C-alpha atoms as a PDB file:
ATOM      1  CA  MET A   1      16.829   8.791 -33.042  1.00  0.00           C
ATOM      2  CA  SER A   2      18.927   7.466 -35.912  1.00  0.00           C
ATOM      3  CA  THR A   3      17.908   4.204 -37.534  1.00  0.00           C
ATOM      4  CA  ASP A   4      21.567   3.104 -37.587  1.00  0.00           C
ATOM      5  CA  SER A   5      22.307  -0.060 -35.616  1.00  0.00           C
ATOM      6  CA  LEU A   6      25.684  -1.423 -34.501  1.00  0.00           C
ATOM      7  CA  LEU A   7      26.905  -5.018 -34.318  1.00  0.00           C
ATOM      8  CA  ILE A   8      30.115  -5.484 -32.313  1.00  0.00           C
ATOM      9  CA  ILE A   9      32.206  -8.600 -32.937  1.00  0.00           C
ATOM     10  CA  GLY A  10      33.683  -9.540 -29.566  1.00  0.00           C
ATOM     11  CA  ALA A  11      32.029  -8.912 -26.200  1.00  0.00           C
ATOM     12  CA  GLY A  12      35.094  -8.931 -23.957  1.00  0.00           C
ATOM     13  CA  GLY A  13      36.491  -5.937 -22.084  1.00  0.00           C
ATOM     14  CA  ASN A  14      37.489  -3.934 -25.153  1.00  0.00           C
ATOM     15  CA  GLY A  15      34.188  -4.682 -26.857  1.00  0.00           C
ATOM     16  CA  ARG A  16      32.262  -3.547 -23.795  1.00  0.00           C
ATOM     17  CA  VAL A  17      34.150  -0.240 -23.755  1.00  0.00           C
ATOM     18  CA  ILE A  18      33.240   0.243 -27.408  1.00  0.00           C
ATOM     19  CA  ALA A  19      29.582  -0.520 -26.673  1.00  0.00           C
ATOM     20  CA  ASP A  20      29.563   1.835 -23.696  1.00  0.00           C
ATOM     21  CA  MET A  21      31.035   4.739 -25.651  1.00  0.00           C
ATOM     22  CA  ALA A  22      28.783   4.038 -28.645  1.00  0.00           C
ATOM     23  CA  ASP A  23      25.822   4.148 -26.271  1.00  0.00           C
ATOM     24  CA  ALA A  24      27.078   7.447 -24.831  1.00  0.00           C
ATOM     25  CA  CYS A  25      27.148   8.938 -28.339  1.00  0.00           C
ATOM     26  CA  GLY A  26      23.351   8.532 -28.467  1.00  0.00           C
ATOM     27  CA  HIS A  27      23.426   7.780 -32.192  1.00  0.00           C
ATOM     28  CA  TRP A  28      22.619   4.074 -32.362  1.00  0.00           C
ATOM     29  CA  SER A  29      19.083   2.693 -32.256  1.00  0.00           C
ATOM     30  CA  ARG A  30      20.418  -0.758 -31.350  1.00  0.00           C
ATOM     31  CA  ILE A  31      23.754  -2.131 -30.125  1.00  0.00           C
ATOM     32  CA  ALA A  32      24.443  -5.867 -29.902  1.00  0.00           C
ATOM     33  CA  PHE A  33      27.346  -8.332 -29.803  1.00  0.00           C
ATOM     34  CA  LEU A  34      28.546 -11.436 -31.516  1.00  0.00           C
ATOM     35  CA  ASP A  35      30.701 -13.575 -29.225  1.00  0.00           C
ATOM     36  CA  ASP A  36      31.439 -17.256 -28.708  1.00  0.00           C
ATOM     37  CA  ALA A  37      30.824 -16.984 -24.941  1.00  0.00           C
ATOM     38  CA  PRO A  38      27.198 -16.903 -23.670  1.00  0.00           C
ATOM     39  CA  TYR A  39      27.372 -13.591 -21.816  1.00  0.00           C
ATOM     40  CA  PRO A  40      24.194 -12.757 -19.870  1.00  0.00           C
ATOM     41  CA  VAL A  41      22.516  -9.363 -20.117  1.00  0.00           C
ATOM     42  CA  ASP A  42      23.117  -7.465 -16.864  1.00  0.00           C
ATOM     43  CA  ASP A  43      23.856  -3.970 -15.544  1.00  0.00           C
ATOM     44  CA  GLU A  44      27.463  -4.070 -16.779  1.00  0.00           C
ATOM     45  CA  ARG A  45      26.585  -5.632 -20.130  1.00  0.00           C
ATOM     46  CA  PRO A  46      23.084  -4.422 -21.026  1.00  0.00           C
ATOM     47  CA  TRP A  47      23.531  -5.249 -24.720  1.00  0.00           C
ATOM     48  CA  GLU A  48      22.363  -8.610 -26.017  1.00  0.00           C
ATOM     49  CA  THR A  49      24.642 -11.195 -27.585  1.00  0.00           C
ATOM     50  CA  VAL A  50      22.749 -12.311 -30.680  1.00  0.00           C
ATOM     51  CA  GLY A  51      25.050 -15.129 -31.787  1.00  0.00           C
ATOM     52  CA  LYS A  52      28.584 -16.413 -32.139  1.00  0.00           C
ATOM     53  CA  CYS A  53      31.270 -14.626 -34.131  1.00  0.00           C
ATOM     54  CA  GLY A  54      30.998 -17.181 -36.914  1.00  0.00           C
ATOM     55  CA  ASP A  55      27.315 -16.311 -37.288  1.00  0.00           C
ATOM     56  CA  LEU A  56      28.133 -12.896 -38.776  1.00  0.00           C
ATOM     57  CA  SER A  57      26.441 -13.574 -42.101  1.00  0.00           C
ATOM     58  CA  ASP A  58      23.218 -14.574 -40.310  1.00  0.00           C
ATOM     59  CA  HIS A  59      22.863 -11.117 -38.706  1.00  0.00           C
ATOM     60  CA  VAL A  60      23.986  -8.754 -41.465  1.00  0.00           C
ATOM     61  CA  ALA A  61      20.408  -7.980 -42.469  1.00  0.00           C
ATOM     62  CA  ASP A  62      19.542  -6.857 -38.925  1.00  0.00           C
ATOM     63  CA  PHE A  63      22.204  -4.138 -38.587  1.00  0.00           C
ATOM     64  CA  THR A  64      23.565  -1.236 -40.625  1.00  0.00           C
ATOM     65  CA  HIS A  65      27.101  -1.054 -39.215  1.00  0.00           C
ATOM     66  CA  GLY A  66      29.677  -3.314 -37.628  1.00  0.00           C
ATOM     67  CA  VAL A  67      32.888  -2.908 -35.681  1.00  0.00           C
ATOM     68  CA  VAL A  68      35.423  -5.409 -34.368  1.00  0.00           C
ATOM     69  CA  GLY A  69      35.796  -5.304 -30.595  1.00  0.00           C
ATOM     70  CA  PHE A  70      38.875  -7.489 -30.111  1.00  0.00           C
ATOM     71  CA  GLY A  71      41.889  -5.749 -28.578  1.00  0.00           C
ATOM     72  CA  ASP A  72      44.358  -8.282 -29.991  1.00  0.00           C
ATOM     73  CA  ASN A  73      45.728  -6.846 -33.224  1.00  0.00           C
ATOM     74  CA  GLU A  74      46.017 -10.045 -35.264  1.00  0.00           C
ATOM     75  CA  LEU A  75      42.582 -11.283 -34.216  1.00  0.00           C
ATOM     76  CA  ARG A  76      41.069  -7.877 -34.967  1.00  0.00           C
ATOM     77  CA  ALA A  77      42.728  -7.815 -38.400  1.00  0.00           C
ATOM     78  CA  ARG A  78      41.267 -11.221 -39.300  1.00  0.00           C
ATOM     79  CA  TRP A  79      37.755 -10.237 -38.274  1.00  0.00           C
ATOM     80  CA  ILE A  80      37.972  -6.890 -40.051  1.00  0.00           C
ATOM     81  CA  GLU A  81      38.493  -8.862 -43.263  1.00  0.00           C
ATOM     82  CA  HIS A  82      35.296 -10.813 -42.553  1.00  0.00           C
ATOM     83  CA  LEU A  83      33.437  -7.598 -41.749  1.00  0.00           C
ATOM     84  CA  GLN A  84      34.636  -5.883 -44.920  1.00  0.00           C
ATOM     85  CA  ALA A  85      33.449  -8.866 -46.961  1.00  0.00           C
ATOM     86  CA  SER A  86      29.955  -8.503 -45.490  1.00  0.00           C
ATOM     87  CA  ASP A  87      27.290  -5.947 -46.386  1.00  0.00           C
ATOM     88  CA  LEU A  88      27.759  -4.045 -43.113  1.00  0.00           C
ATOM     89  CA  ALA A  89      29.378  -0.615 -43.166  1.00  0.00           C
ATOM     90  CA  SER A  90      32.440  -0.374 -40.903  1.00  0.00           C
ATOM     91  CA  ALA A  91      31.749   2.005 -38.009  1.00  0.00           C
ATOM     92  CA  THR A  92      34.413   4.495 -36.895  1.00  0.00           C
ATOM     93  CA  LEU A  93      33.729   5.503 -33.294  1.00  0.00           C
ATOM     94  CA  VAL A  94      34.948   8.412 -31.162  1.00  0.00           C
ATOM     95  CA  ALA A  95      34.069   8.683 -27.472  1.00  0.00           C
ATOM     96  CA  PRO A  96      32.315  11.942 -26.492  1.00  0.00           C
ATOM     97  CA  SER A  97      35.183  12.844 -24.144  1.00  0.00           C
ATOM     98  CA  ALA A  98      37.896  12.241 -26.771  1.00  0.00           C
ATOM     99  CA  THR A  99      39.415  15.055 -28.830  1.00  0.00           C
ATOM    100  CA  VAL A 100      39.992  14.385 -32.524  1.00  0.00           C
ATOM    101  CA  SER A 101      41.078  17.148 -34.873  1.00  0.00           C
ATOM    102  CA  SER A 102      38.764  17.789 -37.794  1.00  0.00           C
ATOM    103  CA  ARG A 103      41.959  17.670 -39.851  1.00  0.00           C
ATOM    104  CA  ALA A 104      42.856  14.129 -38.781  1.00  0.00           C
ATOM    105  CA  THR A 105      41.783  11.107 -40.843  1.00  0.00           C
ATOM    106  CA  LEU A 106      40.590   7.954 -39.090  1.00  0.00           C
ATOM    107  CA  GLY A 107      40.495   4.703 -41.017  1.00  0.00           C
ATOM    108  CA  ALA A 108      37.311   2.629 -41.179  1.00  0.00           C
ATOM    109  CA  GLY A 109      36.682   0.670 -38.011  1.00  0.00           C
ATOM    110  CA  THR A 110      39.037   2.778 -35.879  1.00  0.00           C
ATOM    111  CA  VAL A 111      37.925   3.521 -32.316  1.00  0.00           C
ATOM    112  CA  VAL A 112      39.092   6.448 -30.188  1.00  0.00           C
ATOM    113  CA  MET A 113      38.446   5.770 -26.511  1.00  0.00           C
ATOM    114  CA  PRO A 114      37.505   8.186 -23.690  1.00  0.00           C
ATOM    115  CA  ARG A 115      39.851  11.153 -23.071  1.00  0.00           C
ATOM    116  CA  ALA A 116      42.162  10.195 -25.942  1.00  0.00           C
ATOM    117  CA  VAL A 117      43.607  12.935 -28.174  1.00  0.00           C
ATOM    118  CA  VAL A 118      44.307  12.730 -31.906  1.00  0.00           C
ATOM    119  CA  ASN A 119      45.832  15.881 -33.349  1.00  0.00           C
ATOM    120  CA  ILE A 120      45.970  17.606 -36.722  1.00  0.00           C
ATOM    121  CA  GLY A 121      47.409  15.715 -39.693  1.00  0.00           C
ATOM    122  CA  VAL A 122      47.174  12.252 -38.124  1.00  0.00           C
ATOM    123  CA  MET A 123      46.202   9.450 -40.503  1.00  0.00           C
ATOM    124  CA  THR A 124      45.281   5.970 -39.291  1.00  0.00           C
ATOM    125  CA  GLY A 125      44.673   2.819 -41.237  1.00  0.00           C
ATOM    126  CA  PRO A 126      41.602   0.639 -40.696  1.00  0.00           C
ATOM    127  CA  GLY A 127      40.877  -0.924 -37.338  1.00  0.00           C
ATOM    128  CA  CYS A 128      43.165   1.113 -35.087  1.00  0.00           C
ATOM    129  CA  ILE A 129      42.564   1.562 -31.359  1.00  0.00           C
ATOM    130  CA  ILE A 130      43.547   4.820 -29.662  1.00  0.00           C
ATOM    131  CA  ASN A 131      42.858   3.688 -26.138  1.00  0.00           C
ATOM    132  CA  THR A 132      41.880   5.503 -22.965  1.00  0.00           C
ATOM    133  CA  ALA A 133      43.769   8.783 -22.341  1.00  0.00           C
ATOM    134  CA  ALA A 134      46.342   8.023 -25.044  1.00  0.00           C
ATOM    135  CA  SER A 135      47.576  10.760 -27.359  1.00  0.00           C
ATOM    136  CA  VAL A 136      48.758  10.776 -30.959  1.00  0.00           C
ATOM    137  CA  ASP A 137      50.349  14.078 -31.922  1.00  0.00           C
ATOM    138  CA  HIS A 138      50.442  15.912 -35.230  1.00  0.00           C
ATOM    139  CA  ASP A 139      51.173  14.245 -38.578  1.00  0.00           C
ATOM    140  CA  CYS A 140      51.573  10.678 -37.320  1.00  0.00           C
ATOM    141  CA  ARG A 141      50.910   7.776 -39.687  1.00  0.00           C
ATOM    142  CA  LEU A 142      49.441   4.606 -38.196  1.00  0.00           C
ATOM    143  CA  GLY A 143      49.064   1.437 -40.251  1.00  0.00           C
ATOM    144  CA  THR A 144      46.291  -1.141 -40.116  1.00  0.00           C
ATOM    145  CA  CYS A 145      45.148  -2.426 -36.709  1.00  0.00           C
ATOM    146  CA  VAL A 146      47.669  -0.474 -34.628  1.00  0.00           C
ATOM    147  CA  HIS A 147      46.821  -0.409 -30.905  1.00  0.00           C
ATOM    148  CA  ILE A 148      47.930   2.601 -28.835  1.00  0.00           C
ATOM    149  CA  ALA A 149      47.327   1.348 -25.288  1.00  0.00           C
ATOM    150  CA  PRO A 150      45.898   3.414 -22.397  1.00  0.00           C
ATOM    151  CA  GLY A 151      48.046   6.349 -21.351  1.00  0.00           C
ATOM    152  CA  ALA A 152      50.588   5.944 -24.157  1.00  0.00           C
ATOM    153  CA  HIS A 153      51.842   9.111 -25.853  1.00  0.00           C
ATOM    154  CA  ILE A 154      53.108   9.356 -29.423  1.00  0.00           C
ATOM    155  CA  GLY A 155      55.127  12.423 -30.443  1.00  0.00           C
ATOM    156  CA  GLY A 156      54.557  14.231 -33.709  1.00  0.00           C
ATOM    157  CA  ASP A 157      55.475  12.864 -37.155  1.00  0.00           C
ATOM    158  CA  VAL A 158      55.824   9.223 -36.044  1.00  0.00           C
ATOM    159  CA  ALA A 159      55.180   6.342 -38.477  1.00  0.00           C
ATOM    160  CA  ILE A 160      53.899   3.072 -36.982  1.00  0.00           C
ATOM    161  CA  GLY A 161      53.506  -0.116 -39.026  1.00  0.00           C
ATOM    162  CA  ASP A 162      50.623  -2.554 -39.254  1.00  0.00           C
ATOM    163  CA  ARG A 163      49.499  -4.511 -36.177  1.00  0.00           C
ATOM    164  CA  THR A 164      52.008  -2.832 -33.846  1.00  0.00           C
ATOM    165  CA  TRP A 165      51.140  -2.546 -30.150  1.00  0.00           C
ATOM    166  CA  ILE A 166      52.349   0.500 -28.193  1.00  0.00           C
ATOM    167  CA  GLY A 167      52.142  -0.588 -24.539  1.00  0.00           C
ATOM    168  CA  ILE A 168      50.333   1.054 -21.658  1.00  0.00           C
ATOM    169  CA  GLY A 169      51.993   4.197 -20.339  1.00  0.00           C
ATOM    170  CA  SER A 170      54.777   4.157 -22.922  1.00  0.00           C
ATOM    171  CA  SER A 171      56.061   7.091 -24.956  1.00  0.00           C
ATOM    172  CA  VAL A 172      57.496   7.509 -28.444  1.00  0.00           C
ATOM    173  CA  ARG A 173      59.796  10.382 -29.382  1.00  0.00           C
ATOM    174  CA  HIS A 174      58.945  12.761 -32.217  1.00  0.00           C
ATOM    175  CA  GLY A 175      59.879  11.776 -35.764  1.00  0.00           C
ATOM    176  CA  LEU A 176      60.552   8.050 -35.309  1.00  0.00           C
ATOM    177  CA  THR A 177      59.637   5.067 -37.470  1.00  0.00           C
ATOM    178  CA  ILE A 178      58.351   1.888 -35.815  1.00  0.00           C
ATOM    179  CA  GLY A 179      57.941  -1.202 -37.984  1.00  0.00           C
ATOM    180  CA  HIS A 180      55.065  -3.625 -38.348  1.00  0.00           C
ATOM    181  CA  ASP A 181      54.179  -6.305 -35.778  1.00  0.00           C
ATOM    182  CA  VAL A 182      56.221  -4.593 -33.061  1.00  0.00           C
ATOM    183  CA  MET A 183      55.333  -4.819 -29.376  1.00  0.00           C
ATOM    184  CA  VAL A 184      56.480  -1.913 -27.192  1.00  0.00           C
ATOM    185  CA  GLY A 185      56.401  -2.849 -23.514  1.00  0.00           C
ATOM    186  CA  ALA A 186      54.491  -1.063 -20.780  1.00  0.00           C
ATOM    187  CA  GLY A 187      56.189   2.119 -19.615  1.00  0.00           C
ATOM    188  CA  ALA A 188      58.879   1.984 -22.291  1.00  0.00           C
ATOM    189  CA  ALA A 189      60.458   5.135 -23.720  1.00  0.00           C
ATOM    190  CA  VAL A 190      61.151   4.770 -27.438  1.00  0.00           C
ATOM    191  CA  ILE A 191      63.883   7.178 -28.548  1.00  0.00           C
ATOM    192  CA  SER A 192      65.123   5.466 -31.727  1.00  0.00           C
ATOM    193  CA  ASP A 193      63.575   3.661 -34.686  1.00  0.00           C
ATOM    194  CA  LEU A 194      62.383   0.059 -34.214  1.00  0.00           C
ATOM    195  CA  VAL A 195      62.573  -2.628 -36.906  1.00  0.00           C
ATOM    196  CA  ASP A 196      59.745  -4.982 -37.851  1.00  0.00           C
ATOM    197  CA  ASP A 197      58.728  -7.949 -35.664  1.00  0.00           C
ATOM    198  CA  CYS A 198      60.549  -6.975 -32.493  1.00  0.00           C
ATOM    199  CA  VAL A 199      59.672  -6.619 -28.813  1.00  0.00           C
ATOM    200  CA  ALA A 200      61.125  -3.455 -27.283  1.00  0.00           C
ATOM    201  CA  VAL A 201      61.202  -2.789 -23.547  1.00  0.00           C
ATOM    202  CA  GLY A 202      62.864  -0.479 -21.060  1.00  0.00           C
ATOM    203  CA  VAL A 203      63.979   3.142 -20.692  1.00  0.00           C
ATOM    204  CA  PRO A 204      65.276   3.745 -23.242  1.00  0.00           C
ATOM    205  CA  ALA A 205      63.460   0.983 -25.146  1.00  0.00           C
ATOM    206  CA  ARG A 206      65.711  -1.632 -26.754  1.00  0.00           C
ATOM    207  CA  PRO A 207      64.738  -4.719 -28.750  1.00  0.00           C
ATOM    208  CA  ARG A 208      64.766  -7.748 -26.473  1.00  0.00           C
ATOM    209  CA  GLY A 209      67.043 -10.614 -27.550  1.00  0.00           C
END
């Protein structure tokens, strides 16, 4: 087995999914969490919590890689900065059941969840989440800490700005540009460009307010 070991910052639901898929990859000799809550070790969370998130520097020597497990984009972005300032390498993780083109480029700390698809020519920034059964088609450009929620589908040649959230079950038409810090609501259908810092909902999706 590899001597690589993985420290996950954040032991909530998203962090547990990351741990579970990392375990399924069979690569890591050790997987553990940092989290401010005292989670017990049990059947659903068999990985130990070795300290609080703020204790990162105390555990760097015990692990080779780290990844941020928070689903919230802004929180994940802040902790990625802390991780990058440490001596841990940022892990990029792909679930065994996901499909990622060998001609796609995943940024450091990006995670691709079970049954997700990332096609040829896609480029993501650091810390992105391509969540369960989501798809990102050819030649898309995703900024830093973008979250494509479960079951969302992004058409080809779409540009998505930093920290944008594409909601569960939503869809984005081919060739669009979506700004930074945008939130697309669950089930929305995006058929035109979206400016920065907006919330867009509905079919078709329109900025709210």
